[in-house]
């Protein structure tokens, strides 16, 4: 293996490393955006849900004969 092939291999590996780092950075950014969108969706669902309060007599007895 001569010097020029070692240098070419080193350059190719460095370029592959930079490309992989860029892909990971894009993936992290995408995951952050998706997480924020999911959080907004959940917050909107909680705010839109009706607040239900049960009557005070509900749940005080259990029908064991049915």
PDB file of N, CA and C in Angstrom:
ATOM      1  N   UNK A   1       0.857  -1.175   0.000  1.00  0.00           N
ATOM      2  CA  UNK A   1       0.000   0.000   0.000  1.00  0.00           C
ATOM      3  C   UNK A   1       0.901   1.235   0.000  1.00  0.00           C
ATOM      4  N   UNK A   2       0.718   2.091  -0.956  1.00  0.00           N
ATOM      5  CA  UNK A   2       1.575   3.267  -1.040  1.00  0.00           C
ATOM      6  C   UNK A   2       0.948   4.447  -0.299  1.00  0.00           C
ATOM      7  N   UNK A   3       1.697   5.504  -0.204  1.00  0.00           N
ATOM      8  CA  UNK A   3       1.302   6.689   0.557  1.00  0.00           C
ATOM      9  C   UNK A   3       0.033   7.326   0.003  1.00  0.00           C
ATOM     10  N   UNK A   4      -0.096   7.386  -1.322  1.00  0.00           N
ATOM     11  CA  UNK A   4      -1.251   8.068  -1.907  1.00  0.00           C
ATOM     12  C   UNK A   4      -2.554   7.313  -1.612  1.00  0.00           C
ATOM     13  N   UNK A   5      -2.480   5.989  -1.592  1.00  0.00           N
ATOM     14  CA  UNK A   5      -3.699   5.243  -1.282  1.00  0.00           C
ATOM     15  C   UNK A   5      -4.070   5.384   0.193  1.00  0.00           C
ATOM     16  N   UNK A   6      -3.077   5.481   1.066  1.00  0.00           N
ATOM     17  CA  UNK A   6      -3.345   5.700   2.489  1.00  0.00           C
ATOM     18  C   UNK A   6      -3.963   7.079   2.695  1.00  0.00           C
ATOM     19  N   UNK A   7      -3.457   8.068   2.004  1.00  0.00           N
ATOM     20  CA  UNK A   7      -4.002   9.422   2.111  1.00  0.00           C
ATOM     21  C   UNK A   7      -5.426   9.479   1.574  1.00  0.00           C
ATOM     22  N   UNK A   8      -5.680   8.786   0.480  1.00  0.00           N
ATOM     23  CA  UNK A   8      -7.031   8.767  -0.091  1.00  0.00           C
ATOM     24  C   UNK A   8      -7.999   8.064   0.860  1.00  0.00           C
ATOM     25  N   UNK A   9      -7.555   6.963   1.439  1.00  0.00           N
ATOM     26  CA  UNK A   9      -8.388   6.241   2.402  1.00  0.00           C
ATOM     27  C   UNK A   9      -8.695   7.115   3.619  1.00  0.00           C
ATOM     28  N   UNK A  10      -7.695   7.824   4.098  1.00  0.00           N
ATOM     29  CA  UNK A  10      -7.882   8.716   5.239  1.00  0.00           C
ATOM     30  C   UNK A  10      -8.877   9.829   4.915  1.00  0.00           C
ATOM     31  N   UNK A  11      -8.769  10.389   3.734  1.00  0.00           N
ATOM     32  CA  UNK A  11      -9.694  11.445   3.303  1.00  0.00           C
ATOM     33  C   UNK A  11     -11.112  10.911   3.192  1.00  0.00           C
ATOM     34  N   UNK A  12     -11.255   9.719   2.600  1.00  0.00           N
ATOM     35  CA  UNK A  12     -12.583   9.113   2.477  1.00  0.00           C
ATOM     36  C   UNK A  12     -13.197   8.840   3.843  1.00  0.00           C
ATOM     37  N   UNK A  13     -12.393   8.350   4.771  1.00  0.00           N
ATOM     38  CA  UNK A  13     -12.903   8.068   6.116  1.00  0.00           C
ATOM     39  C   UNK A  13     -13.315   9.350   6.830  1.00  0.00           C
ATOM     40  N   UNK A  14     -12.536  10.405   6.651  1.00  0.00           N
ATOM     41  CA  UNK A  14     -12.871  11.686   7.276  1.00  0.00           C
ATOM     42  C   UNK A  14     -14.169  12.244   6.699  1.00  0.00           C
ATOM     43  N   UNK A  15     -14.356  12.119   5.394  1.00  0.00           N
ATOM     44  CA  UNK A  15     -15.587  12.604   4.770  1.00  0.00           C
ATOM     45  C   UNK A  15     -16.787  11.780   5.235  1.00  0.00           C
ATOM     46  N   UNK A  16     -16.607  10.485   5.386  1.00  0.00           N
ATOM     47  CA  UNK A  16     -17.688   9.630   5.874  1.00  0.00           C
ATOM     48  C   UNK A  16     -18.043   9.983   7.315  1.00  0.00           C
ATOM     49  N   UNK A  17     -17.033  10.313   8.105  1.00  0.00           N
ATOM     50  CA  UNK A  17     -17.267  10.700   9.497  1.00  0.00           C
ATOM     51  C   UNK A  17     -18.047  12.011   9.572  1.00  0.00           C
ATOM     52  N   UNK A  18     -17.678  12.973   8.741  1.00  0.00           N
ATOM     53  CA  UNK A  18     -18.377  14.262   8.723  1.00  0.00           C
ATOM     54  C   UNK A  18     -19.827  14.069   8.277  1.00  0.00           C
ATOM     55  N   UNK A  19     -20.037  13.220   7.276  1.00  0.00           N
ATOM     56  CA  UNK A  19     -21.398  12.958   6.791  1.00  0.00           C
ATOM     57  C   UNK A  19     -22.230  12.286   7.882  1.00  0.00           C
ATOM     58  N   UNK A  20     -21.649  11.350   8.606  1.00  0.00           N
ATOM     59  CA  UNK A  20     -22.375  10.671   9.685  1.00  0.00           C
ATOM     60  C   UNK A  20     -22.722  11.651  10.801  1.00  0.00           C
ATOM     61  N   UNK A  21     -21.800  12.525  11.148  1.00  0.00           N
ATOM     62  CA  UNK A  21     -22.065  13.523  12.188  1.00  0.00           C
ATOM     63  C   UNK A  21     -23.187  14.469  11.758  1.00  0.00           C
ATOM     64  N   UNK A  22     -23.198  14.840  10.493  1.00  0.00           N
ATOM     65  CA  UNK A  22     -24.255  15.720   9.987  1.00  0.00           C
ATOM     66  C   UNK A  22     -25.605  15.014  10.037  1.00  0.00           C
ATOM     67  N   UNK A  23     -25.632  13.745   9.685  1.00  0.00           N
ATOM     68  CA  UNK A  23     -26.882  12.988   9.731  1.00  0.00           C
ATOM     69  C   UNK A  23     -27.399  12.866  11.160  1.00  0.00           C
ATOM     70  N   UNK A  24     -26.519  12.639  12.109  1.00  0.00           N
ATOM     71  CA  UNK A  24     -26.926  12.547  13.506  1.00  0.00           C
ATOM     72  C   UNK A  24     -27.455  13.888  14.001  1.00  0.00           C
ATOM     73  N   UNK A  25     -26.811  14.971  13.612  1.00  0.00           N
ATOM     74  CA  UNK A  25     -27.283  16.298  14.017  1.00  0.00           C
ATOM     75  C   UNK A  25     -28.669  16.585  13.451  1.00  0.00           C
ATOM     76  N   UNK A  26     -28.887  16.217  12.197  1.00  0.00           N
ATOM     77  CA  UNK A  26     -30.203  16.420  11.584  1.00  0.00           C
ATOM     78  C   UNK A  26     -31.247  15.563  12.277  1.00  0.00           C
ATOM     79  N   UNK A  27     -30.892  14.316  12.599  1.00  0.00           N
ATOM     80  CA  UNK A  27     -31.813  13.427  13.294  1.00  0.00           C
ATOM     81  C   UNK A  27     -32.185  13.979  14.672  1.00  0.00           C
ATOM     82  N   UNK A  28     -31.206  14.490  15.407  1.00  0.00           N
ATOM     83  CA  UNK A  28     -31.484  15.073  16.722  1.00  0.00           C
ATOM     84  C   UNK A  28     -32.416  16.276  16.599  1.00  0.00           C
ATOM     85  N   UNK A  29     -32.165  17.127  15.624  1.00  0.00           N
ATOM     86  CA  UNK A  29     -33.005  18.306  15.423  1.00  0.00           C
ATOM     87  C   UNK A  29     -34.427  17.885  15.067  1.00  0.00           C
ATOM     88  N   UNK A  30     -34.559  16.884  14.203  1.00  0.00           N
ATOM     89  CA  UNK A  30     -35.877  16.388  13.817  1.00  0.00           C
ATOM     90  C   UNK A  30     -36.615  15.808  15.017  1.00  0.00           C
ATOM     91  N   UNK A  31     -35.904  15.061  15.849  1.00  0.00           N
ATOM     92  CA  UNK A  31     -36.531  14.478  17.043  1.00  0.00           C
ATOM     93  C   UNK A  31     -36.987  15.570  18.012  1.00  0.00           C
ATOM     94  N   UNK A  32     -36.210  16.631  18.145  1.00  0.00           N
ATOM     95  CA  UNK A  32     -36.610  17.738  19.009  1.00  0.00           C
ATOM     96  C   UNK A  32     -37.867  18.423  18.482  1.00  0.00           C
ATOM     97  N   UNK A  33     -37.924  18.629  17.181  1.00  0.00           N
ATOM     98  CA  UNK A  33     -39.099  19.270  16.575  1.00  0.00           C
ATOM     99  C   UNK A  33     -40.325  18.384  16.751  1.00  0.00           C
ATOM    100  N   UNK A  34     -40.181  17.078  16.497  1.00  0.00           N
ATOM    101  CA  UNK A  34     -41.300  16.149  16.638  1.00  0.00           C
ATOM    102  C   UNK A  34     -41.753  16.065  18.094  1.00  0.00           C
ATOM    103  N   UNK A  35     -40.814  16.097  19.018  1.00  0.00           N
ATOM    104  CA  UNK A  35     -41.159  16.069  20.434  1.00  0.00           C
ATOM    105  C   UNK A  35     -41.948  17.306  20.845  1.00  0.00           C
ATOM    106  N   UNK A  36     -41.537  18.447  20.346  1.00  0.00           N
ATOM    107  CA  UNK A  36     -42.247  19.680  20.660  1.00  0.00           C
ATOM    108  C   UNK A  36     -43.660  19.658  20.068  1.00  0.00           C
ATOM    109  N   UNK A  37     -43.792  19.124  18.856  1.00  0.00           N
ATOM    110  CA  UNK A  37     -45.111  19.038  18.230  1.00  0.00           C
ATOM    111  C   UNK A  37     -46.014  18.073  19.003  1.00  0.00           C
ATOM    112  N   UNK A  38     -45.467  16.961  19.457  1.00  0.00           N
ATOM    113  CA  UNK A  38     -46.254  16.001  20.236  1.00  0.00           C
ATOM    114  C   UNK A  38     -46.688  16.612  21.564  1.00  0.00           C
ATOM    115  N   UNK A  39     -45.801  17.368  22.204  1.00  0.00           N
ATOM    116  CA  UNK A  39     -46.138  18.023  23.461  1.00  0.00           C
ATOM    117  C   UNK A  39     -47.255  19.043  23.262  1.00  0.00           C
ATOM    118  N   UNK A  40     -47.190  19.819  22.184  1.00  0.00           N
ATOM    119  CA  UNK A  40     -48.254  20.781  21.895  1.00  0.00           C
ATOM    120  C   UNK A  40     -49.579  20.077  21.644  1.00  0.00           C
ATOM    121  N   UNK A  41     -49.532  18.946  20.954  1.00  0.00           N
ATOM    122  CA  UNK A  41     -50.747  18.186  20.690  1.00  0.00           C
ATOM    123  C   UNK A  41     -51.351  17.651  21.980  1.00  0.00           C
ATOM    124  N   UNK A  42     -50.521  17.135  22.868  1.00  0.00           N
ATOM    125  CA  UNK A  42     -51.019  16.639  24.153  1.00  0.00           C
ATOM    126  C   UNK A  42     -51.591  17.764  25.009  1.00  0.00           C
ATOM    127  N   UNK A  43     -50.925  18.894  25.022  1.00  0.00           N
ATOM    128  CA  UNK A  43     -51.430  20.027  25.802  1.00  0.00           C
ATOM    129  C   UNK A  43     -52.771  20.508  25.263  1.00  0.00           C
ATOM    130  N   UNK A  44     -52.914  20.529  23.954  1.00  0.00           N
ATOM    131  CA  UNK A  44     -54.183  20.944  23.359  1.00  0.00           C
ATOM    132  C   UNK A  44     -55.281  19.942  23.691  1.00  0.00           C
ATOM    133  N   UNK A  45     -54.956  18.662  23.703  1.00  0.00           N
ATOM    134  CA  UNK A  45     -55.950  17.639  24.033  1.00  0.00           C
ATOM    135  C   UNK A  45     -56.390  17.750  25.484  1.00  0.00           C
ATOM    136  N   UNK A  46     -55.459  18.041  26.381  1.00  0.00           N
ATOM    137  CA  UNK A  46     -55.794  18.183  27.796  1.00  0.00           C
ATOM    138  C   UNK A  46     -56.658  19.420  28.010  1.00  0.00           C
ATOM    139  N   UNK A  47     -56.328  20.505  27.341  1.00  0.00           N
ATOM    140  CA  UNK A  47     -57.106  21.733  27.492  1.00  0.00           C
ATOM    141  C   UNK A  47     -58.507  21.593  26.909  1.00  0.00           C
ATOM    142  N   UNK A  48     -58.654  20.797  25.858  1.00  0.00           N
ATOM    143  CA  UNK A  48     -59.945  20.649  25.199  1.00  0.00           C
ATOM    144  C   UNK A  48     -60.839  19.619  25.895  1.00  0.00           C
ATOM    145  N   UNK A  49     -60.257  18.785  26.748  1.00  0.00           N
ATOM    146  CA  UNK A  49     -61.038  17.739  27.416  1.00  0.00           C
ATOM    147  C   UNK A  49     -61.989  18.378  28.430  1.00  0.00           C
ATOM    148  N   UNK A  50     -63.239  17.937  28.439  1.00  0.00           N
ATOM    149  CA  UNK A  50     -64.187  18.500  29.406  1.00  0.00           C
ATOM    150  C   UNK A  50     -63.847  18.052  30.830  1.00  0.00           C
ATOM    151  N   UNK A  51     -64.050  18.952  31.762  1.00  0.00           N
ATOM    152  CA  UNK A  51     -63.814  18.626  33.170  1.00  0.00           C
ATOM    153  C   UNK A  51     -65.090  18.013  33.735  1.00  0.00           C
ATOM    154  N   UNK A  52     -65.026  16.734  34.080  1.00  0.00           N
ATOM    155  CA  UNK A  52     -66.190  16.006  34.567  1.00  0.00           C
ATOM    156  C   UNK A  52     -66.044  15.791  36.061  1.00  0.00           C
ATOM    157  N   UNK A  53     -67.076  16.143  36.786  1.00  0.00           N
ATOM    158  CA  UNK A  53     -67.071  15.840  38.207  1.00  0.00           C
ATOM    159  C   UNK A  53     -68.259  14.929  38.493  1.00  0.00           C
ATOM    160  N   UNK A  54     -67.997  13.864  39.199  1.00  0.00           N
ATOM    161  CA  UNK A  54     -69.041  12.898  39.513  1.00  0.00           C
ATOM    162  C   UNK A  54     -69.844  13.354  40.721  1.00  0.00           C
ATOM    163  N   UNK A  55     -71.111  12.931  40.810  1.00  0.00           N
ATOM    164  CA  UNK A  55     -71.916  13.261  41.987  1.00  0.00           C
ATOM    165  C   UNK A  55     -71.310  12.635  43.244  1.00  0.00           C
ATOM    166  N   UNK A  56     -71.532  13.251  44.410  1.00  0.00           N
ATOM    167  CA  UNK A  56     -70.882  12.758  45.631  1.00  0.00           C
ATOM    168  C   UNK A  56     -71.352  11.356  46.050  1.00  0.00           C
ATOM    169  N   UNK A  57     -72.556  10.946  45.645  1.00  0.00           N
ATOM    170  CA  UNK A  57     -73.044   9.638  46.061  1.00  0.00           C
ATOM    171  C   UNK A  57     -72.504   8.498  45.185  1.00  0.00           C
ATOM    172  N   UNK A  58     -71.864   8.822  44.101  1.00  0.00           N
ATOM    173  CA  UNK A  58     -71.399   7.807  43.168  1.00  0.00           C
ATOM    174  C   UNK A  58     -70.189   7.080  43.734  1.00  0.00           C
ATOM    175  N   UNK A  59     -70.234   5.754  43.746  1.00  0.00           N
ATOM    176  CA  UNK A  59     -69.112   4.955  44.199  1.00  0.00           C
ATOM    177  C   UNK A  59     -69.100   4.641  45.667  1.00  0.00           C
ATOM    178  N   UNK A  60     -70.169   4.985  46.395  1.00  0.00           N
ATOM    179  CA  UNK A  60     -70.228   4.733  47.839  1.00  0.00           C
ATOM    180  C   UNK A  60     -70.673   3.316  48.165  1.00  0.00           C
ATOM    181  N   UNK A  61     -71.309   2.613  47.228  1.00  0.00           N
ATOM    182  CA  UNK A  61     -71.758   1.258  47.507  1.00  0.00           C
ATOM    183  C   UNK A  61     -71.507   0.385  46.282  1.00  0.00           C
ATOM    184  N   UNK A  62     -71.424  -0.937  46.531  1.00  0.00           N
ATOM    185  CA  UNK A  62     -71.206  -1.899  45.466  1.00  0.00           C
ATOM    186  C   UNK A  62     -72.335  -2.907  45.506  1.00  0.00           C
ATOM    187  N   UNK A  63     -72.962  -3.142  44.357  1.00  0.00           N
ATOM    188  CA  UNK A  63     -74.046  -4.120  44.254  1.00  0.00           C
ATOM    189  C   UNK A  63     -73.422  -5.500  44.062  1.00  0.00           C
ATOM    190  N   UNK A  64     -73.490  -6.308  45.120  1.00  0.00           N
ATOM    191  CA  UNK A  64     -72.870  -7.630  45.070  1.00  0.00           C
ATOM    192  C   UNK A  64     -73.839  -8.730  44.667  1.00  0.00           C
ATOM    193  N   UNK A  65     -75.121  -8.396  44.442  1.00  0.00           N
ATOM    194  CA  UNK A  65     -76.103  -9.405  44.090  1.00  0.00           C
ATOM    195  C   UNK A  65     -76.297  -9.531  42.587  1.00  0.00           C
ATOM    196  N   UNK A  66     -75.783  -8.640  41.841  1.00  0.00           N
ATOM    197  CA  UNK A  66     -75.992  -8.671  40.392  1.00  0.00           C
ATOM    198  C   UNK A  66     -75.118  -9.700  39.722  1.00  0.00           C
TER     199      UNK A  66
END
